[in-house]
């Protein structure tokens, strides 16, 4: 199977793009989990969000 003179470059480019996308997705997912834990801890301490409707009428 003859892939051509630039096949290595093309395949490495696709591999790098896939790796970068995977790292970004993992980073966003881990950041989301950390923020959810932080928000849960703050709400457990009684800190509410400014947009919380229940707080506006107290």
PDB file of N, CA and C in Angstrom:
ATOM      1  N   UNK A   1       0.856  -1.174   0.000  1.00  0.00           N
ATOM      2  CA  UNK A   1       0.000   0.000   0.000  1.00  0.00           C
ATOM      3  C   UNK A   1       0.901   1.235   0.000  1.00  0.00           C
ATOM      4  N   UNK A   2       0.811   2.025  -1.056  1.00  0.00           N
ATOM      5  CA  UNK A   2       1.604   3.234  -1.207  1.00  0.00           C
ATOM      6  C   UNK A   2       0.767   4.429  -0.761  1.00  0.00           C
ATOM      7  N   UNK A   3       1.183   5.078   0.334  1.00  0.00           N
ATOM      8  CA  UNK A   3       0.407   6.188   0.886  1.00  0.00           C
ATOM      9  C   UNK A   3       0.883   7.549   0.399  1.00  0.00           C
ATOM     10  N   UNK A   4       1.997   7.624  -0.226  1.00  0.00           N
ATOM     11  CA  UNK A   4       2.483   8.899  -0.741  1.00  0.00           C
ATOM     12  C   UNK A   4       3.597   9.467   0.112  1.00  0.00           C
ATOM     13  N   UNK A   5       4.275  10.489  -0.431  1.00  0.00           N
ATOM     14  CA  UNK A   5       5.452  11.029   0.249  1.00  0.00           C
ATOM     15  C   UNK A   5       5.120  11.826   1.521  1.00  0.00           C
ATOM     16  N   UNK A   6       3.906  12.298   1.656  1.00  0.00           N
ATOM     17  CA  UNK A   6       3.546  13.140   2.799  1.00  0.00           C
ATOM     18  C   UNK A   6       2.661  12.417   3.807  1.00  0.00           C
ATOM     19  N   UNK A   7       2.528  11.131   3.673  1.00  0.00           N
ATOM     20  CA  UNK A   7       1.630  10.366   4.536  1.00  0.00           C
ATOM     21  C   UNK A   7       2.020  10.468   6.005  1.00  0.00           C
ATOM     22  N   UNK A   8       3.314  10.404   6.295  1.00  0.00           N
ATOM     23  CA  UNK A   8       3.756  10.474   7.695  1.00  0.00           C
ATOM     24  C   UNK A   8       3.363  11.808   8.314  1.00  0.00           C
ATOM     25  N   UNK A   9       3.583  12.896   7.581  1.00  0.00           N
ATOM     26  CA  UNK A   9       3.226  14.215   8.092  1.00  0.00           C
ATOM     27  C   UNK A   9       1.721  14.323   8.320  1.00  0.00           C
ATOM     28  N   UNK A  10       0.941  13.853   7.391  1.00  0.00           N
ATOM     29  CA  UNK A  10      -0.518  13.935   7.496  1.00  0.00           C
ATOM     30  C   UNK A  10      -1.016  13.094   8.672  1.00  0.00           C
ATOM     31  N   UNK A  11      -0.521  11.886   8.789  1.00  0.00           N
ATOM     32  CA  UNK A  11      -0.954  11.023   9.891  1.00  0.00           C
ATOM     33  C   UNK A  11      -0.524  11.590  11.246  1.00  0.00           C
ATOM     34  N   UNK A  12       0.690  12.138  11.334  1.00  0.00           N
ATOM     35  CA  UNK A  12       1.125  12.762  12.588  1.00  0.00           C
ATOM     36  C   UNK A  12       0.285  13.998  12.918  1.00  0.00           C
ATOM     37  N   UNK A  13      -0.103  14.748  11.901  1.00  0.00           N
ATOM     38  CA  UNK A  13      -0.944  15.927  12.129  1.00  0.00           C
ATOM     39  C   UNK A  13      -2.315  15.532  12.673  1.00  0.00           C
ATOM     40  N   UNK A  14      -2.914  14.513  12.067  1.00  0.00           N
ATOM     41  CA  UNK A  14      -4.201  14.026  12.572  1.00  0.00           C
ATOM     42  C   UNK A  14      -4.059  13.487  13.993  1.00  0.00           C
ATOM     43  N   UNK A  15      -2.998  12.765  14.249  1.00  0.00           N
ATOM     44  CA  UNK A  15      -2.758  12.235  15.592  1.00  0.00           C
ATOM     45  C   UNK A  15      -2.594  13.339  16.620  1.00  0.00           C
ATOM     46  N   UNK A  16      -1.844  14.390  16.258  1.00  0.00           N
ATOM     47  CA  UNK A  16      -1.651  15.520  17.173  1.00  0.00           C
ATOM     48  C   UNK A  16      -2.976  16.229  17.435  1.00  0.00           C
ATOM     49  N   UNK A  17      -3.778  16.414  16.393  1.00  0.00           N
ATOM     50  CA  UNK A  17      -5.074  17.085  16.565  1.00  0.00           C
ATOM     51  C   UNK A  17      -5.985  16.275  17.472  1.00  0.00           C
ATOM     52  N   UNK A  18      -6.008  14.968  17.283  1.00  0.00           N
ATOM     53  CA  UNK A  18      -6.840  14.104  18.130  1.00  0.00           C
ATOM     54  C   UNK A  18      -6.352  14.148  19.571  1.00  0.00           C
ATOM     55  N   UNK A  19      -5.040  14.130  19.765  1.00  0.00           N
ATOM     56  CA  UNK A  19      -4.479  14.190  21.116  1.00  0.00           C
ATOM     57  C   UNK A  19      -4.817  15.512  21.797  1.00  0.00           C
ATOM     58  N   UNK A  20      -4.677  16.612  21.077  1.00  0.00           N
ATOM     59  CA  UNK A  20      -4.992  17.929  21.641  1.00  0.00           C
ATOM     60  C   UNK A  20      -6.467  18.026  21.999  1.00  0.00           C
ATOM     61  N   UNK A  21      -7.342  17.546  21.135  1.00  0.00           N
ATOM     62  CA  UNK A  21      -8.777  17.564  21.445  1.00  0.00           C
ATOM     63  C   UNK A  21      -9.091  16.713  22.670  1.00  0.00           C
ATOM     64  N   UNK A  22      -8.460  15.549  22.786  1.00  0.00           N
ATOM     65  CA  UNK A  22      -8.697  14.687  23.942  1.00  0.00           C
ATOM     66  C   UNK A  22      -8.241  15.369  25.230  1.00  0.00           C
ATOM     67  N   UNK A  23      -7.096  16.042  25.181  1.00  0.00           N
ATOM     68  CA  UNK A  23      -6.590  16.745  26.368  1.00  0.00           C
ATOM     69  C   UNK A  23      -7.533  17.881  26.746  1.00  0.00           C
ATOM     70  N   UNK A  24      -8.020  18.647  25.768  1.00  0.00           N
ATOM     71  CA  UNK A  24      -8.943  19.742  26.059  1.00  0.00           C
ATOM     72  C   UNK A  24     -10.257  19.243  26.647  1.00  0.00           C
ATOM     73  N   UNK A  25     -10.783  18.158  26.102  1.00  0.00           N
ATOM     74  CA  UNK A  25     -12.027  17.592  26.631  1.00  0.00           C
ATOM     75  C   UNK A  25     -11.833  17.115  28.059  1.00  0.00           C
ATOM     76  N   UNK A  26     -10.711  16.444  28.336  1.00  0.00           N
ATOM     77  CA  UNK A  26     -10.428  15.980  29.697  1.00  0.00           C
ATOM     78  C   UNK A  26     -10.267  17.159  30.645  1.00  0.00           C
ATOM     79  N   UNK A  27      -9.586  18.215  30.208  1.00  0.00           N
ATOM     80  CA  UNK A  27      -9.367  19.395  31.039  1.00  0.00           C
ATOM     81  C   UNK A  27     -10.706  20.053  31.384  1.00  0.00           C
ATOM     82  N   UNK A  28     -11.579  20.211  30.410  1.00  0.00           N
ATOM     83  CA  UNK A  28     -12.891  20.816  30.653  1.00  0.00           C
ATOM     84  C   UNK A  28     -13.719  19.942  31.586  1.00  0.00           C
ATOM     85  N   UNK A  29     -13.696  18.641  31.371  1.00  0.00           N
ATOM     86  CA  UNK A  29     -14.463  17.723  32.217  1.00  0.00           C
ATOM     87  C   UNK A  29     -13.967  17.771  33.664  1.00  0.00           C
ATOM     88  N   UNK A  30     -12.647  17.757  33.864  1.00  0.00           N
ATOM     89  CA  UNK A  30     -12.108  17.816  35.226  1.00  0.00           C
ATOM     90  C   UNK A  30     -12.402  19.162  35.880  1.00  0.00           C
ATOM     91  N   UNK A  31     -12.329  20.236  35.111  1.00  0.00           N
ATOM     92  CA  UNK A  31     -12.647  21.559  35.636  1.00  0.00           C
ATOM     93  C   UNK A  31     -14.113  21.635  36.042  1.00  0.00           C
ATOM     94  N   UNK A  32     -14.988  21.063  35.246  1.00  0.00           N
ATOM     95  CA  UNK A  32     -16.417  21.041  35.551  1.00  0.00           C
ATOM     96  C   UNK A  32     -16.675  20.302  36.861  1.00  0.00           C
ATOM     97  N   UNK A  33     -16.036  19.149  37.034  1.00  0.00           N
ATOM     98  CA  UNK A  33     -16.202  18.375  38.270  1.00  0.00           C
ATOM     99  C   UNK A  33     -15.718  19.167  39.485  1.00  0.00           C
ATOM    100  N   UNK A  34     -14.578  19.838  39.347  1.00  0.00           N
ATOM    101  CA  UNK A  34     -14.037  20.624  40.457  1.00  0.00           C
ATOM    102  C   UNK A  34     -14.963  21.781  40.809  1.00  0.00           C
ATOM    103  N   UNK A  35     -15.505  22.461  39.801  1.00  0.00           N
ATOM    104  CA  UNK A  35     -16.418  23.570  40.068  1.00  0.00           C
ATOM    105  C   UNK A  35     -17.710  23.103  40.712  1.00  0.00           C
ATOM    106  N   UNK A  36     -18.212  21.941  40.296  1.00  0.00           N
ATOM    107  CA  UNK A  36     -19.422  21.403  40.927  1.00  0.00           C
ATOM    108  C   UNK A  36     -19.165  21.100  42.395  1.00  0.00           C
ATOM    109  N   UNK A  37     -17.994  20.540  42.707  1.00  0.00           N
ATOM    110  CA  UNK A  37     -17.655  20.261  44.110  1.00  0.00           C
ATOM    111  C   UNK A  37     -17.531  21.557  44.908  1.00  0.00           C
ATOM    112  N   UNK A  38     -16.935  22.576  44.318  1.00  0.00           N
ATOM    113  CA  UNK A  38     -16.794  23.865  44.992  1.00  0.00           C
ATOM    114  C   UNK A  38     -18.156  24.486  45.253  1.00  0.00           C
ATOM    115  N   UNK A  39     -19.035  24.469  44.247  1.00  0.00           N
ATOM    116  CA  UNK A  39     -20.383  25.021  44.434  1.00  0.00           C
ATOM    117  C   UNK A  39     -21.162  24.251  45.491  1.00  0.00           C
ATOM    118  N   UNK A  40     -21.031  22.938  45.496  1.00  0.00           N
ATOM    119  CA  UNK A  40     -21.737  22.136  46.501  1.00  0.00           C
ATOM    120  C   UNK A  40     -21.232  22.465  47.901  1.00  0.00           C
ATOM    121  N   UNK A  41     -19.931  22.654  48.041  1.00  0.00           N
ATOM    122  CA  UNK A  41     -19.370  22.998  49.354  1.00  0.00           C
ATOM    123  C   UNK A  41     -19.848  24.376  49.807  1.00  0.00           C
ATOM    124  N   UNK A  42     -19.908  25.332  48.887  1.00  0.00           N
ATOM    125  CA  UNK A  42     -20.386  26.668  49.242  1.00  0.00           C
ATOM    126  C   UNK A  42     -21.861  26.645  49.618  1.00  0.00           C
ATOM    127  N   UNK A  43     -22.667  25.921  48.864  1.00  0.00           N
ATOM    128  CA  UNK A  43     -24.088  25.844  49.182  1.00  0.00           C
ATOM    129  C   UNK A  43     -24.318  25.118  50.499  1.00  0.00           C
ATOM    130  N   UNK A  44     -23.472  24.163  50.811  1.00  0.00           N
ATOM    131  CA  UNK A  44     -23.587  23.453  52.089  1.00  0.00           C
ATOM    132  C   UNK A  44     -23.292  24.392  53.252  1.00  0.00           C
ATOM    133  N   UNK A  45     -22.397  25.373  53.029  1.00  0.00           N
ATOM    134  CA  UNK A  45     -22.067  26.356  54.067  1.00  0.00           C
ATOM    135  C   UNK A  45     -23.103  27.466  54.152  1.00  0.00           C
ATOM    136  N   UNK A  46     -24.071  27.464  53.236  1.00  0.00           N
ATOM    137  CA  UNK A  46     -25.127  28.465  53.299  1.00  0.00           C
ATOM    138  C   UNK A  46     -24.957  29.607  52.324  1.00  0.00           C
ATOM    139  N   UNK A  47     -23.906  29.592  51.544  1.00  0.00           N
ATOM    140  CA  UNK A  47     -23.707  30.635  50.548  1.00  0.00           C
ATOM    141  C   UNK A  47     -24.620  30.323  49.364  1.00  0.00           C
ATOM    142  N   UNK A  48     -25.404  31.332  48.940  1.00  0.00           N
ATOM    143  CA  UNK A  48     -26.322  31.110  47.822  1.00  0.00           C
ATOM    144  C   UNK A  48     -25.865  31.916  46.622  1.00  0.00           C
ATOM    145  N   UNK A  49     -26.429  31.600  45.495  1.00  0.00           N
ATOM    146  CA  UNK A  49     -26.117  32.309  44.263  1.00  0.00           C
ATOM    147  C   UNK A  49     -26.938  33.581  44.179  1.00  0.00           C
ATOM    148  N   UNK A  50     -26.386  34.596  43.551  1.00  0.00           N
ATOM    149  CA  UNK A  50     -27.119  35.846  43.408  1.00  0.00           C
ATOM    150  C   UNK A  50     -28.374  35.672  42.570  1.00  0.00           C
ATOM    151  N   UNK A  51     -28.368  34.706  41.678  1.00  0.00           N
ATOM    152  CA  UNK A  51     -29.522  34.496  40.814  1.00  0.00           C
ATOM    153  C   UNK A  51     -30.564  33.577  41.445  1.00  0.00           C
ATOM    154  N   UNK A  52     -30.331  33.136  42.677  1.00  0.00           N
ATOM    155  CA  UNK A  52     -31.249  32.220  43.348  1.00  0.00           C
ATOM    156  C   UNK A  52     -32.545  32.957  43.680  1.00  0.00           C
ATOM    157  N   UNK A  53     -33.665  32.508  43.136  1.00  0.00           N
ATOM    158  CA  UNK A  53     -34.962  33.161  43.328  1.00  0.00           C
ATOM    159  C   UNK A  53     -35.403  33.159  44.786  1.00  0.00           C
ATOM    160  N   UNK A  54     -35.103  32.113  45.499  1.00  0.00           N
ATOM    161  CA  UNK A  54     -35.556  32.016  46.890  1.00  0.00           C
ATOM    162  C   UNK A  54     -34.950  33.116  47.748  1.00  0.00           C
ATOM    163  N   UNK A  55     -33.753  33.532  47.448  1.00  0.00           N
ATOM    164  CA  UNK A  55     -33.061  34.530  48.250  1.00  0.00           C
ATOM    165  C   UNK A  55     -33.622  35.922  48.049  1.00  0.00           C
ATOM    166  N   UNK A  56     -34.204  36.214  46.882  1.00  0.00           N
ATOM    167  CA  UNK A  56     -34.666  37.557  46.575  1.00  0.00           C
ATOM    168  C   UNK A  56     -35.821  38.004  47.466  1.00  0.00           C
ATOM    169  N   UNK A  57     -36.604  37.067  47.967  1.00  0.00           N
ATOM    170  CA  UNK A  57     -37.817  37.414  48.725  1.00  0.00           C
ATOM    171  C   UNK A  57     -37.654  37.247  50.214  1.00  0.00           C
ATOM    172  N   UNK A  58     -36.458  37.138  50.684  1.00  0.00           N
ATOM    173  CA  UNK A  58     -36.253  36.996  52.143  1.00  0.00           C
ATOM    174  C   UNK A  58     -36.177  38.322  52.819  1.00  0.00           C
TER     175      UNK A  58
END
